[in-house]
């Protein structure tokens, strides 16, 4: 019995260190990978369509993200690409990022077709001959960061 206490103590210390910010959280990393892989496999199995889902701290835009569509400055929190449709969520530093993105979209030939202001939520719809782009800005509250939801849908699929 005396050996059990040190073993339990060592295990508790290892788990505690692993779950703190000092080291990557192995449970979070494992579940993030399982969820992403599970979602991708489930959708691919049900639809027969290749899908790329990326989320968590190391998220990035899918490699097939359209290069002719401007992207905002910020950290990618989540992204997905399915059959030419794309969506991504970015953590951004403020509304000025949205203003720059809107200017970049207009400079790339996109025309604003709709906009709405709901206070802490701004919604913009841009179009060109090939794509519809939706930009949704959500102002952070209570210490939360601002975020931007960005979607690209080819007109041929609308």
C-alpha atoms as a PDB file:
ATOM      1  CA  UNK A   1       0.000   0.000   0.000  1.00  0.00           C
ATOM      2  CA  UNK A   2       2.876   2.394   0.708  1.00  0.00           C
ATOM      3  CA  UNK A   3       3.906   2.364  -2.977  1.00  0.00           C
ATOM      4  CA  UNK A   4       0.411   3.331  -4.076  1.00  0.00           C
ATOM      5  CA  UNK A   5       0.521   6.809  -2.505  1.00  0.00           C
ATOM      6  CA  UNK A   6       3.724   7.937  -4.304  1.00  0.00           C
ATOM      7  CA  UNK A   7       2.456   6.494  -7.595  1.00  0.00           C
ATOM      8  CA  UNK A   8      -0.878   8.289  -7.234  1.00  0.00           C
ATOM      9  CA  UNK A   9       0.962  11.485  -6.269  1.00  0.00           C
ATOM     10  CA  UNK A  10       3.237  11.253  -9.314  1.00  0.00           C
ATOM     11  CA  UNK A  11       0.263  10.597 -11.587  1.00  0.00           C
ATOM     12  CA  UNK A  12      -1.630  13.552 -10.092  1.00  0.00           C
ATOM     13  CA  UNK A  13       1.410  15.805 -10.581  1.00  0.00           C
ATOM     14  CA  UNK A  14       1.815  14.690 -14.198  1.00  0.00           C
ATOM     15  CA  UNK A  15      -1.874  15.261 -14.963  1.00  0.00           C
ATOM     16  CA  UNK A  16      -1.820  18.659 -13.218  1.00  0.00           C
ATOM     17  CA  UNK A  17       1.241  19.812 -15.163  1.00  0.00           C
ATOM     18  CA  UNK A  18      -0.225  18.501 -18.390  1.00  0.00           C
ATOM     19  CA  UNK A  19      -3.479  20.380 -17.879  1.00  0.00           C
ATOM     20  CA  UNK A  20      -1.866  23.718 -16.970  1.00  0.00           C
ATOM     21  CA  UNK A  21      -0.672  26.370 -19.373  1.00  0.00           C
ATOM     22  CA  UNK A  22       2.933  25.261 -18.850  1.00  0.00           C
ATOM     23  CA  UNK A  23       2.479  22.381 -21.270  1.00  0.00           C
ATOM     24  CA  UNK A  24      -0.048  21.806 -24.027  1.00  0.00           C
ATOM     25  CA  UNK A  25      -3.282  20.328 -22.736  1.00  0.00           C
ATOM     26  CA  UNK A  26      -3.129  16.769 -24.084  1.00  0.00           C
ATOM     27  CA  UNK A  27      -6.829  16.133 -23.497  1.00  0.00           C
ATOM     28  CA  UNK A  28      -7.781  19.285 -25.406  1.00  0.00           C
ATOM     29  CA  UNK A  29      -5.394  18.454 -28.245  1.00  0.00           C
ATOM     30  CA  UNK A  30      -6.731  14.908 -28.424  1.00  0.00           C
ATOM     31  CA  UNK A  31     -10.395  15.953 -28.398  1.00  0.00           C
ATOM     32  CA  UNK A  32      -9.797  18.766 -30.923  1.00  0.00           C
ATOM     33  CA  UNK A  33      -8.202  16.288 -33.337  1.00  0.00           C
ATOM     34  CA  UNK A  34     -10.892  13.670 -32.737  1.00  0.00           C
ATOM     35  CA  UNK A  35     -13.698  16.186 -33.248  1.00  0.00           C
ATOM     36  CA  UNK A  36     -12.169  17.635 -36.422  1.00  0.00           C
ATOM     37  CA  UNK A  37     -11.437  14.196 -37.860  1.00  0.00           C
ATOM     38  CA  UNK A  38     -14.820  12.865 -36.788  1.00  0.00           C
ATOM     39  CA  UNK A  39     -16.713  15.756 -38.352  1.00  0.00           C
ATOM     40  CA  UNK A  40     -14.770  15.460 -41.590  1.00  0.00           C
ATOM     41  CA  UNK A  41     -15.294  11.690 -41.784  1.00  0.00           C
ATOM     42  CA  UNK A  42     -18.993  11.909 -40.914  1.00  0.00           C
ATOM     43  CA  UNK A  43     -19.732  14.528 -43.570  1.00  0.00           C
ATOM     44  CA  UNK A  44     -17.575  12.801 -46.184  1.00  0.00           C
ATOM     45  CA  UNK A  45     -19.247   9.435 -45.495  1.00  0.00           C
ATOM     46  CA  UNK A  46     -22.762  10.886 -45.691  1.00  0.00           C
ATOM     47  CA  UNK A  47     -22.288  13.166 -48.698  1.00  0.00           C
ATOM     48  CA  UNK A  48     -19.387  11.727 -50.646  1.00  0.00           C
ATOM     49  CA  UNK A  49     -17.933  15.256 -50.723  1.00  0.00           C
ATOM     50  CA  UNK A  50     -14.364  15.966 -49.619  1.00  0.00           C
ATOM     51  CA  UNK A  51     -14.365  18.377 -46.665  1.00  0.00           C
ATOM     52  CA  UNK A  52     -11.595  20.147 -44.788  1.00  0.00           C
ATOM     53  CA  UNK A  53     -12.386  21.310 -41.241  1.00  0.00           C
ATOM     54  CA  UNK A  54      -9.784  23.101 -39.159  1.00  0.00           C
ATOM     55  CA  UNK A  55     -10.348  24.536 -35.703  1.00  0.00           C
ATOM     56  CA  UNK A  56      -8.616  25.333 -32.468  1.00  0.00           C
ATOM     57  CA  UNK A  57      -5.480  27.299 -31.760  1.00  0.00           C
ATOM     58  CA  UNK A  58      -3.603  26.050 -34.803  1.00  0.00           C
ATOM     59  CA  UNK A  59      -6.382  26.572 -37.348  1.00  0.00           C
ATOM     60  CA  UNK A  60      -5.565  27.785 -40.841  1.00  0.00           C
ATOM     61  CA  UNK A  61      -7.475  28.434 -44.031  1.00  0.00           C
ATOM     62  CA  UNK A  62      -8.024  25.419 -46.296  1.00  0.00           C
ATOM     63  CA  UNK A  63      -5.379  25.090 -49.011  1.00  0.00           C
ATOM     64  CA  UNK A  64      -8.142  25.456 -51.608  1.00  0.00           C
ATOM     65  CA  UNK A  65      -9.308  28.833 -50.176  1.00  0.00           C
ATOM     66  CA  UNK A  66      -9.847  31.124 -53.210  1.00  0.00           C
ATOM     67  CA  UNK A  67      -6.769  33.305 -53.712  1.00  0.00           C
ATOM     68  CA  UNK A  68      -8.779  36.022 -55.478  1.00  0.00           C
ATOM     69  CA  UNK A  69     -10.890  36.711 -52.360  1.00  0.00           C
ATOM     70  CA  UNK A  70      -9.241  39.064 -49.842  1.00  0.00           C
ATOM     71  CA  UNK A  71      -8.898  37.713 -46.305  1.00  0.00           C
ATOM     72  CA  UNK A  72      -8.934  39.724 -43.085  1.00  0.00           C
ATOM     73  CA  UNK A  73      -6.034  40.291 -40.734  1.00  0.00           C
ATOM     74  CA  UNK A  74      -6.528  38.146 -37.665  1.00  0.00           C
ATOM     75  CA  UNK A  75      -6.165  34.718 -36.134  1.00  0.00           C
ATOM     76  CA  UNK A  76      -8.077  31.871 -37.765  1.00  0.00           C
ATOM     77  CA  UNK A  77     -10.153  30.146 -35.074  1.00  0.00           C
ATOM     78  CA  UNK A  78     -12.074  27.793 -37.353  1.00  0.00           C
ATOM     79  CA  UNK A  79     -12.276  27.130 -41.073  1.00  0.00           C
ATOM     80  CA  UNK A  80     -13.992  24.709 -43.394  1.00  0.00           C
ATOM     81  CA  UNK A  81     -14.173  24.133 -47.112  1.00  0.00           C
ATOM     82  CA  UNK A  82     -16.798  21.965 -48.762  1.00  0.00           C
ATOM     83  CA  UNK A  83     -17.272  21.619 -52.507  1.00  0.00           C
ATOM     84  CA  UNK A  84     -16.128  25.171 -53.301  1.00  0.00           C
ATOM     85  CA  UNK A  85     -17.938  26.746 -50.326  1.00  0.00           C
ATOM     86  CA  UNK A  86     -15.782  28.200 -47.583  1.00  0.00           C
ATOM     87  CA  UNK A  87     -16.300  29.582 -44.115  1.00  0.00           C
ATOM     88  CA  UNK A  88     -13.900  30.835 -41.479  1.00  0.00           C
ATOM     89  CA  UNK A  89     -14.038  32.517 -38.115  1.00  0.00           C
ATOM     90  CA  UNK A  90     -11.302  34.993 -37.237  1.00  0.00           C
ATOM     91  CA  UNK A  91     -10.338  36.664 -33.986  1.00  0.00           C
ATOM     92  CA  UNK A  92      -9.662  40.281 -34.949  1.00  0.00           C
ATOM     93  CA  UNK A  93      -8.385  43.409 -33.214  1.00  0.00           C
ATOM     94  CA  UNK A  94     -11.409  45.623 -33.919  1.00  0.00           C
ATOM     95  CA  UNK A  95     -13.793  47.178 -36.424  1.00  0.00           C
ATOM     96  CA  UNK A  96     -10.899  48.757 -38.349  1.00  0.00           C
ATOM     97  CA  UNK A  97     -10.016  45.254 -39.613  1.00  0.00           C
ATOM     98  CA  UNK A  98     -13.528  45.015 -41.065  1.00  0.00           C
ATOM     99  CA  UNK A  99     -13.157  48.441 -42.701  1.00  0.00           C
ATOM    100  CA  UNK A 100      -9.895  47.332 -44.360  1.00  0.00           C
ATOM    101  CA  UNK A 101     -11.468  44.056 -45.499  1.00  0.00           C
ATOM    102  CA  UNK A 102     -14.442  45.897 -47.001  1.00  0.00           C
ATOM    103  CA  UNK A 103     -12.071  48.220 -48.849  1.00  0.00           C
ATOM    104  CA  UNK A 104     -10.043  45.222 -50.078  1.00  0.00           C
ATOM    105  CA  UNK A 105     -13.200  43.472 -51.301  1.00  0.00           C
ATOM    106  CA  UNK A 106     -14.336  46.568 -53.203  1.00  0.00           C
ATOM    107  CA  UNK A 107     -10.823  46.984 -54.630  1.00  0.00           C
ATOM    108  CA  UNK A 108     -11.004  43.371 -55.856  1.00  0.00           C
ATOM    109  CA  UNK A 109     -14.215  43.971 -57.795  1.00  0.00           C
ATOM    110  CA  UNK A 110     -16.803  42.986 -55.197  1.00  0.00           C
ATOM    111  CA  UNK A 111     -19.872  45.214 -54.869  1.00  0.00           C
ATOM    112  CA  UNK A 112     -21.778  45.709 -51.617  1.00  0.00           C
ATOM    113  CA  UNK A 113     -25.317  44.401 -52.135  1.00  0.00           C
ATOM    114  CA  UNK A 114     -26.647  44.365 -48.548  1.00  0.00           C
ATOM    115  CA  UNK A 115     -25.652  45.623 -45.131  1.00  0.00           C
ATOM    116  CA  UNK A 116     -27.199  45.616 -41.677  1.00  0.00           C
ATOM    117  CA  UNK A 117     -26.151  47.103 -38.342  1.00  0.00           C
ATOM    118  CA  UNK A 118     -27.489  45.389 -35.233  1.00  0.00           C
ATOM    119  CA  UNK A 119     -25.403  47.318 -32.718  1.00  0.00           C
ATOM    120  CA  UNK A 120     -22.616  44.949 -31.754  1.00  0.00           C
ATOM    121  CA  UNK A 121     -23.158  42.894 -34.913  1.00  0.00           C
ATOM    122  CA  UNK A 122     -22.505  44.182 -38.439  1.00  0.00           C
ATOM    123  CA  UNK A 123     -23.446  42.160 -41.521  1.00  0.00           C
ATOM    124  CA  UNK A 124     -22.233  42.820 -45.090  1.00  0.00           C
ATOM    125  CA  UNK A 125     -22.957  40.933 -48.298  1.00  0.00           C
ATOM    126  CA  UNK A 126     -20.626  41.415 -51.275  1.00  0.00           C
ATOM    127  CA  UNK A 127     -20.931  39.978 -54.772  1.00  0.00           C
ATOM    128  CA  UNK A 128     -19.017  39.747 -58.007  1.00  0.00           C
ATOM    129  CA  UNK A 129     -19.654  37.641 -61.116  1.00  0.00           C
ATOM    130  CA  UNK A 130     -18.480  34.409 -59.482  1.00  0.00           C
ATOM    131  CA  UNK A 131     -18.898  34.619 -55.678  1.00  0.00           C
ATOM    132  CA  UNK A 132     -21.059  35.900 -52.876  1.00  0.00           C
ATOM    133  CA  UNK A 133     -19.059  36.863 -49.789  1.00  0.00           C
ATOM    134  CA  UNK A 134     -20.639  37.381 -46.375  1.00  0.00           C
ATOM    135  CA  UNK A 135     -18.817  39.321 -43.658  1.00  0.00           C
ATOM    136  CA  UNK A 136     -20.254  39.303 -40.127  1.00  0.00           C
ATOM    137  CA  UNK A 137     -18.492  41.343 -37.435  1.00  0.00           C
ATOM    138  CA  UNK A 138     -19.271  40.656 -33.780  1.00  0.00           C
ATOM    139  CA  UNK A 139     -17.928  43.142 -31.249  1.00  0.00           C
ATOM    140  CA  UNK A 140     -16.396  41.476 -28.218  1.00  0.00           C
ATOM    141  CA  UNK A 141     -18.059  42.027 -24.863  1.00  0.00           C
ATOM    142  CA  UNK A 142     -16.986  41.445 -21.281  1.00  0.00           C
ATOM    143  CA  UNK A 143     -13.319  41.012 -22.162  1.00  0.00           C
ATOM    144  CA  UNK A 144     -13.968  38.772 -25.166  1.00  0.00           C
ATOM    145  CA  UNK A 145     -12.178  39.497 -28.438  1.00  0.00           C
ATOM    146  CA  UNK A 146     -13.901  40.803 -31.540  1.00  0.00           C
ATOM    147  CA  UNK A 147     -14.635  38.159 -34.142  1.00  0.00           C
ATOM    148  CA  UNK A 148     -15.422  38.009 -37.813  1.00  0.00           C
ATOM    149  CA  UNK A 149     -17.334  35.269 -39.602  1.00  0.00           C
ATOM    150  CA  UNK A 150     -16.451  35.069 -43.286  1.00  0.00           C
ATOM    151  CA  UNK A 151     -18.217  32.938 -45.905  1.00  0.00           C
ATOM    152  CA  UNK A 152     -17.643  32.458 -49.629  1.00  0.00           C
ATOM    153  CA  UNK A 153     -20.270  30.786 -51.828  1.00  0.00           C
ATOM    154  CA  UNK A 154     -19.819  30.359 -55.595  1.00  0.00           C
ATOM    155  CA  UNK A 155     -22.737  31.856 -57.536  1.00  0.00           C
ATOM    156  CA  UNK A 156     -23.039  28.682 -59.611  1.00  0.00           C
ATOM    157  CA  UNK A 157     -24.172  26.879 -56.425  1.00  0.00           C
ATOM    158  CA  UNK A 158     -26.802  29.431 -55.423  1.00  0.00           C
END
